[in-house]
Amino acid sequence: MVQDRKPTSEPPRPHRFTLEQWRQMQEAGILTEDERLEFVDGQVVEMSPVNRPHASCVKRLLQAFSIQLGDRVIVSVQDPLLVDANEFYPDVVLLKPRPDFYHDKDASAEDALLVVEVADTSLATDQGLKASKYAAGGVVEYWVVDLNGARVWVYREPKNGVYTRIQALEGSAYLTPLALPSVQLTVEQVLGKTTP
């Protein structure tokens, strides 16, 4: 005799992976190089596509940081950054220098002097999920370049999983990372409104 089953009200739960399983999928070629993916809270998350204004901004940041800082930092562009058990691919990270250029060690939040995300269609994620993960992981300073709003959001002083100091800078306001006070870059330069 078949018994009637009551439908359950629980939605299906997504399967969560470990960071090690994520790495194994990458090494096995399950994920292709042209897929823009990050690993967040045990799930594989698709990133927003990069359009021309986004790519141009990343190039401006790369050039400005490289010229002003030389070999005092390692400028990392869209490379993996471990933040707790998550693996993000921020647009630009200024890393503490290492002679091996992180060949023998993954770059992590403790190595990051500054993390920068460029937001065109990803502003809500960059200011919400990523800001909370970076703060909880101990990223000391985080910038979100808001291309549509023509401003740069500066997040500092992480405490208990949140940034306690947040500023929105516009126009000719200077951007200077706390750990690198010699850097002088205006919001206009980052946005491509003037030449650096």
N, C-alpha and C. Protein backbone atom coordinates (compact mmCIF):
# COMPACT_ATOMS: atom_id res chain seq x y z
N MET A 1 0.84 -1.17 0.00
CA MET A 1 0.00 0.00 0.00
C MET A 1 0.89 1.25 0.00
N VAL A 2 0.58 2.19 -0.86
CA VAL A 2 1.34 3.43 -0.96
C VAL A 2 0.78 4.43 0.03
N GLN A 3 1.67 4.98 0.83
CA GLN A 3 1.24 5.98 1.79
C GLN A 3 1.32 7.36 1.16
N ASP A 4 0.35 8.18 1.53
CA ASP A 4 0.41 9.57 1.08
C ASP A 4 1.53 10.27 1.82
N ARG A 5 2.30 11.02 1.04
CA ARG A 5 3.40 11.77 1.66
C ARG A 5 3.03 13.24 1.66
N LYS A 6 3.26 13.85 2.77
CA LYS A 6 3.02 15.29 2.86
C LYS A 6 4.17 16.01 2.18
N PRO A 7 3.87 17.01 1.37
CA PRO A 7 4.96 17.77 0.77
C PRO A 7 5.70 18.54 1.86
N THR A 8 6.97 18.56 1.73
CA THR A 8 7.75 19.30 2.72
C THR A 8 7.85 20.76 2.29
N SER A 9 7.95 21.62 3.27
CA SER A 9 8.04 23.05 2.97
C SER A 9 9.49 23.52 2.86
N GLU A 10 10.43 22.62 3.10
CA GLU A 10 11.85 23.00 3.03
C GLU A 10 12.31 23.05 1.58
N PRO A 11 12.88 24.17 1.17
CA PRO A 11 13.44 24.22 -0.18
C PRO A 11 14.70 23.38 -0.26
N PRO A 12 15.08 22.95 -1.46
CA PRO A 12 16.32 22.18 -1.56
C PRO A 12 17.51 23.03 -1.11
N ARG A 13 18.44 22.37 -0.46
CA ARG A 13 19.63 23.07 0.03
C ARG A 13 20.77 22.93 -0.98
N PRO A 14 21.49 24.01 -1.24
CA PRO A 14 22.64 23.88 -2.14
C PRO A 14 23.75 23.08 -1.47
N HIS A 15 24.49 22.36 -2.28
CA HIS A 15 25.64 21.62 -1.75
C HIS A 15 26.80 22.59 -1.53
N ARG A 16 27.42 22.50 -0.39
CA ARG A 16 28.56 23.37 -0.08
C ARG A 16 29.85 22.59 -0.28
N PHE A 17 30.80 23.25 -0.90
CA PHE A 17 32.12 22.66 -1.13
C PHE A 17 33.11 23.22 -0.11
N THR A 18 34.21 22.52 0.04
CA THR A 18 35.31 23.06 0.84
C THR A 18 36.26 23.80 -0.09
N LEU A 19 37.12 24.60 0.49
CA LEU A 19 38.11 25.32 -0.30
C LEU A 19 39.01 24.33 -1.04
N GLU A 20 39.33 23.22 -0.40
CA GLU A 20 40.16 22.19 -1.04
C GLU A 20 39.44 21.58 -2.25
N GLN A 21 38.15 21.32 -2.12
CA GLN A 21 37.38 20.78 -3.26
C GLN A 21 37.31 21.79 -4.40
N TRP A 22 37.16 23.06 -4.06
CA TRP A 22 37.15 24.13 -5.07
C TRP A 22 38.46 24.13 -5.84
N ARG A 23 39.56 24.03 -5.12
CA ARG A 23 40.88 24.00 -5.76
C ARG A 23 41.04 22.77 -6.64
N GLN A 24 40.53 21.63 -6.18
CA GLN A 24 40.61 20.41 -6.97
C GLN A 24 39.81 20.52 -8.26
N MET A 25 38.66 21.18 -8.21
CA MET A 25 37.86 21.39 -9.42
C MET A 25 38.62 22.26 -10.42
N GLN A 26 39.33 23.27 -9.90
CA GLN A 26 40.12 24.14 -10.78
C GLN A 26 41.25 23.35 -11.43
N GLU A 27 41.96 22.58 -10.63
CA GLU A 27 43.10 21.80 -11.14
C GLU A 27 42.66 20.72 -12.12
N ALA A 28 41.47 20.16 -11.92
CA ALA A 28 40.98 19.11 -12.80
C ALA A 28 40.43 19.66 -14.11
N GLY A 29 40.34 20.99 -14.22
CA GLY A 29 39.84 21.59 -15.45
C GLY A 29 38.33 21.58 -15.58
N ILE A 30 37.64 21.33 -14.46
CA ILE A 30 36.18 21.34 -14.49
C ILE A 30 35.68 22.76 -14.77
N LEU A 31 36.41 23.72 -14.26
CA LEU A 31 36.07 25.13 -14.47
C LEU A 31 37.04 25.68 -15.50
N THR A 32 36.52 26.31 -16.52
CA THR A 32 37.40 26.83 -17.57
C THR A 32 37.96 28.18 -17.18
N GLU A 33 39.11 28.52 -17.78
CA GLU A 33 39.80 29.77 -17.47
C GLU A 33 38.97 31.00 -17.81
N ASP A 34 38.10 30.89 -18.82
CA ASP A 34 37.34 32.07 -19.23
C ASP A 34 36.09 32.30 -18.38
N GLU A 35 35.78 31.39 -17.46
CA GLU A 35 34.66 31.59 -16.56
C GLU A 35 35.13 32.49 -15.42
N ARG A 36 34.36 33.53 -15.13
CA ARG A 36 34.70 34.44 -14.03
C ARG A 36 33.95 33.98 -12.79
N LEU A 37 34.66 33.25 -11.94
CA LEU A 37 34.04 32.64 -10.77
C LEU A 37 34.81 32.97 -9.50
N GLU A 38 34.09 33.03 -8.39
CA GLU A 38 34.71 33.17 -7.08
C GLU A 38 34.11 32.10 -6.18
N PHE A 39 34.78 31.86 -5.05
CA PHE A 39 34.34 30.84 -4.11
C PHE A 39 33.96 31.54 -2.81
N VAL A 40 32.64 31.54 -2.50
CA VAL A 40 32.13 32.31 -1.36
C VAL A 40 31.21 31.43 -0.53
N ASP A 41 31.54 31.30 0.74
CA ASP A 41 30.71 30.53 1.68
C ASP A 41 30.39 29.13 1.17
N GLY A 42 31.39 28.48 0.58
CA GLY A 42 31.21 27.11 0.12
C GLY A 42 30.51 26.96 -1.21
N GLN A 43 30.22 28.08 -1.87
CA GLN A 43 29.53 28.02 -3.16
C GLN A 43 30.35 28.69 -4.25
N VAL A 44 30.19 28.20 -5.46
CA VAL A 44 30.83 28.80 -6.62
C VAL A 44 29.90 29.89 -7.13
N VAL A 45 30.41 31.12 -7.19
CA VAL A 45 29.60 32.29 -7.53
C VAL A 45 30.12 32.92 -8.81
N GLU A 46 29.22 33.21 -9.73
CA GLU A 46 29.61 33.84 -10.99
C GLU A 46 29.79 35.34 -10.78
N MET A 47 30.89 35.86 -11.31
CA MET A 47 31.18 37.29 -11.21
C MET A 47 30.57 38.03 -12.39
N SER A 48 30.39 39.33 -12.24
CA SER A 48 29.89 40.16 -13.33
C SER A 48 30.92 40.21 -14.45
N PRO A 49 30.47 40.30 -15.69
CA PRO A 49 31.43 40.41 -16.79
C PRO A 49 32.15 41.76 -16.75
N VAL A 50 33.34 41.79 -17.32
CA VAL A 50 34.13 43.02 -17.37
C VAL A 50 33.84 43.73 -18.68
N ASN A 51 33.37 44.98 -18.59
CA ASN A 51 33.15 45.76 -19.80
C ASN A 51 34.32 46.74 -19.99
N ARG A 52 34.28 47.51 -21.05
CA ARG A 52 35.40 48.40 -21.38
C ARG A 52 35.68 49.45 -20.29
N PRO A 53 34.67 50.18 -19.76
CA PRO A 53 34.97 51.15 -18.70
C PRO A 53 35.61 50.51 -17.47
N HIS A 54 35.14 49.32 -17.12
CA HIS A 54 35.69 48.58 -15.97
C HIS A 54 37.16 48.24 -16.24
N ALA A 55 37.44 47.67 -17.38
CA ALA A 55 38.81 47.28 -17.73
C ALA A 55 39.73 48.50 -17.79
N SER A 56 39.23 49.59 -18.32
CA SER A 56 40.02 50.82 -18.42
C SER A 56 40.39 51.34 -17.03
N CYS A 57 39.44 51.30 -16.11
CA CYS A 57 39.70 51.76 -14.74
C CYS A 57 40.75 50.89 -14.06
N VAL A 58 40.66 49.58 -14.25
CA VAL A 58 41.65 48.68 -13.66
C VAL A 58 43.04 48.99 -14.22
N LYS A 59 43.13 49.25 -15.50
CA LYS A 59 44.43 49.60 -16.11
C LYS A 59 44.98 50.91 -15.55
N ARG A 60 44.11 51.89 -15.33
CA ARG A 60 44.56 53.17 -14.75
C ARG A 60 45.11 52.95 -13.35
N LEU A 61 44.40 52.15 -12.55
CA LEU A 61 44.87 51.87 -11.19
C LEU A 61 46.21 51.13 -11.21
N LEU A 62 46.32 50.15 -12.07
CA LEU A 62 47.57 49.39 -12.20
C LEU A 62 48.73 50.32 -12.53
N GLN A 63 48.54 51.18 -13.51
CA GLN A 63 49.61 52.09 -13.91
C GLN A 63 49.95 53.07 -12.79
N ALA A 64 48.95 53.68 -12.18
CA ALA A 64 49.20 54.67 -11.13
C ALA A 64 49.92 54.05 -9.94
N PHE A 65 49.46 52.89 -9.48
CA PHE A 65 50.11 52.24 -8.34
C PHE A 65 51.53 51.78 -8.69
N SER A 66 51.71 51.25 -9.88
CA SER A 66 53.04 50.78 -10.29
C SER A 66 54.03 51.94 -10.37
N ILE A 67 53.60 53.07 -10.93
CA ILE A 67 54.49 54.23 -11.05
C ILE A 67 54.82 54.79 -9.67
N GLN A 68 53.81 54.96 -8.82
CA GLN A 68 54.03 55.61 -7.52
C GLN A 68 54.70 54.71 -6.49
N LEU A 69 54.52 53.40 -6.61
CA LEU A 69 55.02 52.51 -5.56
C LEU A 69 56.19 51.64 -5.98
N GLY A 70 56.41 51.47 -7.28
CA GLY A 70 57.53 50.66 -7.73
C GLY A 70 57.53 49.29 -7.10
N ASP A 71 58.68 48.91 -6.51
CA ASP A 71 58.79 47.58 -5.91
C ASP A 71 58.48 47.56 -4.41
N ARG A 72 57.87 48.62 -3.90
CA ARG A 72 57.51 48.64 -2.47
C ARG A 72 56.29 47.76 -2.18
N VAL A 73 55.53 47.41 -3.22
CA VAL A 73 54.39 46.50 -3.10
C VAL A 73 54.37 45.58 -4.31
N ILE A 74 53.55 44.58 -4.24
CA ILE A 74 53.22 43.77 -5.42
C ILE A 74 51.80 44.16 -5.81
N VAL A 75 51.64 44.65 -7.03
CA VAL A 75 50.31 45.02 -7.52
C VAL A 75 49.71 43.78 -8.19
N SER A 76 48.65 43.28 -7.60
CA SER A 76 47.99 42.07 -8.08
C SER A 76 46.68 42.47 -8.75
N VAL A 77 46.46 41.98 -9.97
CA VAL A 77 45.27 42.33 -10.73
C VAL A 77 44.45 41.07 -11.03
N GLN A 78 43.24 41.04 -10.48
CA GLN A 78 42.28 39.95 -10.70
C GLN A 78 42.90 38.57 -10.46
N ASP A 79 43.70 38.49 -9.40
CA ASP A 79 44.30 37.23 -8.96
C ASP A 79 43.60 36.76 -7.69
N PRO A 80 43.74 35.48 -7.34
CA PRO A 80 43.05 34.98 -6.15
C PRO A 80 43.58 35.61 -4.86
N LEU A 81 42.64 35.87 -3.96
CA LEU A 81 42.96 36.36 -2.62
C LEU A 81 42.13 35.55 -1.63
N LEU A 82 42.80 34.85 -0.72
CA LEU A 82 42.09 34.07 0.30
C LEU A 82 41.65 34.98 1.43
N VAL A 83 40.37 34.91 1.74
CA VAL A 83 39.79 35.67 2.84
C VAL A 83 38.98 34.68 3.65
N ASP A 84 39.55 34.27 4.77
CA ASP A 84 38.99 33.16 5.55
C ASP A 84 38.91 31.94 4.63
N ALA A 85 37.74 31.31 4.51
CA ALA A 85 37.62 30.12 3.64
C ALA A 85 37.03 30.48 2.29
N ASN A 86 37.18 31.74 1.89
CA ASN A 86 36.67 32.22 0.60
C ASN A 86 37.84 32.56 -0.31
N GLU A 87 37.60 32.47 -1.62
CA GLU A 87 38.61 32.87 -2.59
C GLU A 87 37.98 33.89 -3.53
N PHE A 88 38.42 35.14 -3.38
CA PHE A 88 37.94 36.23 -4.22
C PHE A 88 38.99 36.56 -5.28
N TYR A 89 38.54 37.25 -6.31
CA TYR A 89 39.43 37.73 -7.38
C TYR A 89 39.24 39.24 -7.51
N PRO A 90 39.72 40.01 -6.53
CA PRO A 90 39.52 41.45 -6.57
C PRO A 90 40.20 42.07 -7.80
N ASP A 91 39.69 43.22 -8.21
CA ASP A 91 40.25 43.86 -9.40
C ASP A 91 41.70 44.27 -9.18
N VAL A 92 42.01 44.87 -8.05
CA VAL A 92 43.39 45.26 -7.74
C VAL A 92 43.63 45.03 -6.25
N VAL A 93 44.80 44.48 -5.94
CA VAL A 93 45.23 44.34 -4.54
C VAL A 93 46.68 44.81 -4.45
N LEU A 94 46.95 45.63 -3.46
CA LEU A 94 48.33 45.98 -3.15
C LEU A 94 48.78 45.03 -2.04
N LEU A 95 49.74 44.17 -2.39
CA LEU A 95 50.22 43.14 -1.47
C LEU A 95 51.56 43.52 -0.87
N LYS A 96 51.79 43.05 0.35
CA LYS A 96 53.12 43.19 0.95
C LYS A 96 54.11 42.46 0.05
N PRO A 97 55.28 43.04 -0.17
CA PRO A 97 56.24 42.38 -1.06
C PRO A 97 56.77 41.08 -0.47
N ARG A 98 57.00 40.12 -1.34
CA ARG A 98 57.64 38.84 -0.98
C ARG A 98 58.62 38.50 -2.09
N PRO A 99 59.80 38.03 -1.76
CA PRO A 99 60.78 37.71 -2.79
C PRO A 99 60.29 36.68 -3.81
N ASP A 100 59.41 35.76 -3.37
CA ASP A 100 58.92 34.71 -4.27
C ASP A 100 57.64 35.12 -5.01
N PHE A 101 57.18 36.37 -4.82
CA PHE A 101 55.96 36.85 -5.48
C PHE A 101 54.77 35.90 -5.25
N TYR A 102 54.69 35.37 -4.03
CA TYR A 102 53.60 34.49 -3.62
C TYR A 102 53.56 33.18 -4.40
N HIS A 103 54.73 32.72 -4.80
CA HIS A 103 54.83 31.42 -5.46
C HIS A 103 54.61 30.28 -4.47
N ASP A 104 55.13 30.44 -3.25
CA ASP A 104 55.07 29.38 -2.25
C ASP A 104 53.97 29.57 -1.21
N LYS A 105 53.19 30.63 -1.35
CA LYS A 105 52.14 30.94 -0.38
C LYS A 105 51.02 31.68 -1.09
N ASP A 106 49.79 31.30 -0.81
CA ASP A 106 48.66 32.03 -1.38
C ASP A 106 48.57 33.41 -0.74
N ALA A 107 48.27 34.42 -1.54
CA ALA A 107 48.02 35.75 -0.99
C ALA A 107 46.72 35.70 -0.20
N SER A 108 46.73 36.31 0.97
CA SER A 108 45.55 36.28 1.83
C SER A 108 45.28 37.68 2.38
N ALA A 109 44.19 37.80 3.11
CA ALA A 109 43.78 39.09 3.65
C ALA A 109 44.89 39.74 4.47
N GLU A 110 45.65 38.96 5.21
CA GLU A 110 46.72 39.53 6.03
C GLU A 110 47.87 40.11 5.20
N ASP A 111 47.97 39.72 3.95
CA ASP A 111 49.01 40.24 3.05
C ASP A 111 48.56 41.51 2.32
N ALA A 112 47.27 41.79 2.36
CA ALA A 112 46.70 42.89 1.56
C ALA A 112 46.80 44.22 2.30
N LEU A 113 47.49 45.17 1.67
CA LEU A 113 47.53 46.53 2.20
C LEU A 113 46.31 47.33 1.74
N LEU A 114 45.78 46.96 0.59
CA LEU A 114 44.60 47.61 0.02
C LEU A 114 43.95 46.66 -0.97
N VAL A 115 42.63 46.55 -0.90
CA VAL A 115 41.85 45.78 -1.88
C VAL A 115 40.92 46.76 -2.59
N VAL A 116 40.88 46.67 -3.93
CA VAL A 116 40.03 47.56 -4.72
C VAL A 116 39.13 46.73 -5.62
N GLU A 117 37.84 47.02 -5.57
CA GLU A 117 36.88 46.45 -6.52
C GLU A 117 36.33 47.59 -7.37
N VAL A 118 36.23 47.36 -8.67
CA VAL A 118 35.65 48.33 -9.60
C VAL A 118 34.23 47.87 -9.89
N ALA A 119 33.26 48.75 -9.62
CA ALA A 119 31.85 48.37 -9.72
C ALA A 119 31.16 49.12 -10.84
N ASP A 120 30.62 48.35 -11.76
CA ASP A 120 29.74 48.89 -12.78
C ASP A 120 28.35 48.32 -12.51
N THR A 121 28.21 47.01 -12.67
CA THR A 121 26.93 46.35 -12.37
C THR A 121 26.97 45.63 -11.02
N SER A 122 28.11 45.65 -10.33
CA SER A 122 28.28 44.85 -9.12
C SER A 122 28.30 45.67 -7.83
N LEU A 123 27.83 46.91 -7.87
CA LEU A 123 27.95 47.80 -6.70
C LEU A 123 27.30 47.21 -5.45
N ALA A 124 26.11 46.66 -5.57
CA ALA A 124 25.42 46.11 -4.39
C ALA A 124 26.23 44.97 -3.77
N THR A 125 26.78 44.10 -4.59
CA THR A 125 27.58 42.99 -4.08
C THR A 125 28.88 43.49 -3.46
N ASP A 126 29.53 44.44 -4.13
CA ASP A 126 30.81 44.96 -3.64
C ASP A 126 30.64 45.70 -2.32
N GLN A 127 29.53 46.42 -2.16
CA GLN A 127 29.31 47.17 -0.92
C GLN A 127 28.64 46.31 0.16
N GLY A 128 28.02 45.23 -0.23
CA GLY A 128 27.34 44.37 0.73
C GLY A 128 28.16 43.16 1.10
N LEU A 129 27.99 42.10 0.33
CA LEU A 129 28.65 40.82 0.61
C LEU A 129 30.16 40.95 0.72
N LYS A 130 30.79 41.57 -0.28
CA LYS A 130 32.25 41.62 -0.27
C LYS A 130 32.78 42.50 0.85
N ALA A 131 32.14 43.63 1.10
CA ALA A 131 32.58 44.49 2.20
C ALA A 131 32.53 43.73 3.52
N SER A 132 31.46 42.97 3.74
CA SER A 132 31.35 42.23 5.00
C SER A 132 32.39 41.11 5.10
N LYS A 133 32.63 40.42 3.99
CA LYS A 133 33.63 39.34 4.00
C LYS A 133 35.04 39.90 4.19
N TYR A 134 35.35 41.00 3.49
CA TYR A 134 36.67 41.60 3.63
C TYR A 134 36.88 42.12 5.06
N ALA A 135 35.85 42.75 5.63
CA ALA A 135 35.97 43.25 7.00
C ALA A 135 36.15 42.11 7.99
N ALA A 136 35.33 41.07 7.85
CA ALA A 136 35.43 39.92 8.75
C ALA A 136 36.78 39.22 8.61
N GLY A 137 37.33 39.23 7.39
CA GLY A 137 38.61 38.57 7.14
C GLY A 137 39.82 39.41 7.51
N GLY A 138 39.60 40.66 7.91
CA GLY A 138 40.70 41.50 8.37
C GLY A 138 41.39 42.32 7.29
N VAL A 139 40.74 42.52 6.15
CA VAL A 139 41.30 43.41 5.13
C VAL A 139 41.26 44.82 5.71
N VAL A 140 42.43 45.44 5.87
CA VAL A 140 42.52 46.70 6.61
C VAL A 140 41.91 47.89 5.86
N GLU A 141 41.96 47.85 4.53
CA GLU A 141 41.39 48.95 3.75
C GLU A 141 40.84 48.41 2.43
N TYR A 142 39.66 48.91 2.08
CA TYR A 142 38.93 48.41 0.92
C TYR A 142 38.31 49.60 0.20
N TRP A 143 38.55 49.68 -1.12
CA TRP A 143 37.94 50.74 -1.93
C TRP A 143 36.99 50.12 -2.93
N VAL A 144 35.86 50.78 -3.15
CA VAL A 144 34.94 50.41 -4.22
C VAL A 144 34.84 51.59 -5.17
N VAL A 145 35.30 51.39 -6.40
CA VAL A 145 35.20 52.43 -7.42
C VAL A 145 33.82 52.31 -8.05
N ASP A 146 32.97 53.28 -7.78
CA ASP A 146 31.60 53.30 -8.27
C ASP A 146 31.59 54.06 -9.60
N LEU A 147 31.69 53.32 -10.70
CA LEU A 147 31.78 53.95 -12.01
C LEU A 147 30.52 54.74 -12.35
N ASN A 148 29.36 54.23 -12.03
CA ASN A 148 28.10 54.91 -12.36
C ASN A 148 27.87 56.13 -11.47
N GLY A 149 28.29 56.06 -10.22
CA GLY A 149 28.10 57.18 -9.29
C GLY A 149 29.24 58.17 -9.31
N ALA A 150 30.30 57.87 -10.08
CA ALA A 150 31.48 58.75 -10.19
C ALA A 150 32.05 59.10 -8.82
N ARG A 151 32.26 58.05 -8.01
CA ARG A 151 32.85 58.26 -6.68
C ARG A 151 33.62 57.00 -6.29
N VAL A 152 34.43 57.15 -5.27
CA VAL A 152 35.14 56.00 -4.70
C VAL A 152 34.74 55.90 -3.23
N TRP A 153 34.27 54.74 -2.85
CA TRP A 153 33.91 54.46 -1.46
C TRP A 153 35.14 53.89 -0.77
N VAL A 154 35.52 54.47 0.35
CA VAL A 154 36.70 54.05 1.10
C VAL A 154 36.22 53.44 2.42
N TYR A 155 36.58 52.17 2.63
CA TYR A 155 36.21 51.43 3.83
C TYR A 155 37.45 51.17 4.66
N ARG A 156 37.39 51.57 5.94
CA ARG A 156 38.54 51.39 6.84
C ARG A 156 38.07 50.95 8.22
N GLU A 157 39.05 50.56 9.03
CA GLU A 157 38.84 50.19 10.43
C GLU A 157 37.83 49.05 10.60
N PRO A 158 38.18 47.84 10.11
CA PRO A 158 37.28 46.71 10.30
C PRO A 158 37.19 46.30 11.78
N LYS A 159 35.99 46.06 12.22
CA LYS A 159 35.78 45.62 13.61
C LYS A 159 34.52 44.78 13.67
N ASN A 160 34.63 43.59 14.22
CA ASN A 160 33.50 42.68 14.37
C ASN A 160 32.74 42.45 13.06
N GLY A 161 33.49 42.30 11.97
CA GLY A 161 32.89 41.95 10.70
C GLY A 161 32.30 43.11 9.91
N VAL A 162 32.55 44.34 10.36
CA VAL A 162 32.07 45.51 9.60
C VAL A 162 33.15 46.58 9.58
N TYR A 163 33.11 47.40 8.55
CA TYR A 163 34.00 48.55 8.50
C TYR A 163 33.33 49.68 9.29
N THR A 164 34.07 50.26 10.22
CA THR A 164 33.49 51.28 11.09
C THR A 164 33.69 52.70 10.54
N ARG A 165 34.51 52.82 9.51
CA ARG A 165 34.72 54.14 8.90
C ARG A 165 34.54 54.02 7.39
N ILE A 166 33.53 54.70 6.85
CA ILE A 166 33.23 54.63 5.42
C ILE A 166 33.08 56.06 4.90
N GLN A 167 33.77 56.35 3.80
CA GLN A 167 33.69 57.66 3.17
C GLN A 167 33.40 57.50 1.69
N ALA A 168 32.63 58.43 1.14
CA ALA A 168 32.42 58.50 -0.31
C ALA A 168 33.17 59.73 -0.80
N LEU A 169 34.16 59.52 -1.67
CA LEU A 169 34.97 60.63 -2.18
C LEU A 169 34.68 60.85 -3.65
N GLU A 170 34.69 62.13 -4.04
CA GLU A 170 34.36 62.49 -5.42
C GLU A 170 35.33 63.53 -5.95
N GLY A 171 35.30 63.72 -7.26
CA GLY A 171 36.01 64.81 -7.92
C GLY A 171 37.50 64.84 -7.68
N SER A 172 37.98 65.95 -7.16
CA SER A 172 39.43 66.14 -6.97
C SER A 172 39.91 65.67 -5.60
N ALA A 173 39.04 64.99 -4.84
CA ALA A 173 39.45 64.47 -3.53
C ALA A 173 40.56 63.45 -3.70
N TYR A 174 41.53 63.50 -2.77
CA TYR A 174 42.67 62.59 -2.84
C TYR A 174 42.36 61.25 -2.19
N LEU A 175 42.88 60.22 -2.80
CA LEU A 175 42.82 58.85 -2.27
C LEU A 175 44.24 58.47 -1.86
N THR A 176 44.41 58.15 -0.59
CA THR A 176 45.72 57.75 -0.09
C THR A 176 45.54 56.56 0.83
N PRO A 177 46.06 55.40 0.47
CA PRO A 177 45.94 54.24 1.36
C PRO A 177 46.65 54.50 2.69
N LEU A 178 46.03 54.09 3.78
CA LEU A 178 46.62 54.29 5.10
C LEU A 178 48.02 53.71 5.20
N ALA A 179 48.23 52.53 4.63
CA ALA A 179 49.53 51.86 4.74
C ALA A 179 50.58 52.44 3.80
N LEU A 180 50.14 53.29 2.86
CA LEU A 180 51.06 53.82 1.84
C LEU A 180 50.81 55.32 1.66
N PRO A 181 51.20 56.12 2.66
CA PRO A 181 50.85 57.54 2.65
C PRO A 181 51.50 58.36 1.53
N SER A 182 52.47 57.79 0.84
CA SER A 182 53.10 58.53 -0.26
C SER A 182 52.25 58.53 -1.53
N VAL A 183 51.25 57.66 -1.59
CA VAL A 183 50.40 57.59 -2.78
C VAL A 183 49.43 58.76 -2.79
N GLN A 184 49.39 59.46 -3.90
CA GLN A 184 48.42 60.54 -4.08
C GLN A 184 47.73 60.34 -5.42
N LEU A 185 46.46 60.08 -5.34
CA LEU A 185 45.67 59.77 -6.52
C LEU A 185 44.30 60.40 -6.32
N THR A 186 43.81 61.13 -7.30
CA THR A 186 42.48 61.73 -7.13
C THR A 186 41.41 60.79 -7.68
N VAL A 187 40.19 61.02 -7.22
CA VAL A 187 39.06 60.24 -7.72
C VAL A 187 38.93 60.45 -9.23
N GLU A 188 39.13 61.68 -9.68
CA GLU A 188 39.05 61.98 -11.12
C GLU A 188 40.06 61.15 -11.92
N GLN A 189 41.26 60.99 -11.37
CA GLN A 189 42.27 60.18 -12.06
C GLN A 189 41.83 58.72 -12.15
N VAL A 190 41.28 58.20 -11.06
CA VAL A 190 40.82 56.81 -11.05
C VAL A 190 39.71 56.61 -12.08
N LEU A 191 38.83 57.60 -12.19
CA LEU A 191 37.69 57.50 -13.11
C LEU A 191 38.04 57.87 -14.54
N GLY A 192 39.28 58.37 -14.76
CA GLY A 192 39.69 58.72 -16.11
C GLY A 192 39.25 60.10 -16.54
N LYS A 193 38.93 60.95 -15.58
CA LYS A 193 38.49 62.31 -15.91
C LYS A 193 39.68 63.25 -16.15
N THR A 194 40.83 62.90 -15.60
CA THR A 194 42.06 63.67 -15.83
C THR A 194 43.19 62.69 -16.03
N THR A 195 44.31 63.14 -16.48
CA THR A 195 45.46 62.25 -16.64
C THR A 195 46.23 62.17 -15.33
N PRO A 196 46.68 60.98 -14.94
CA PRO A 196 47.42 60.84 -13.68
C PRO A 196 48.77 61.51 -13.75
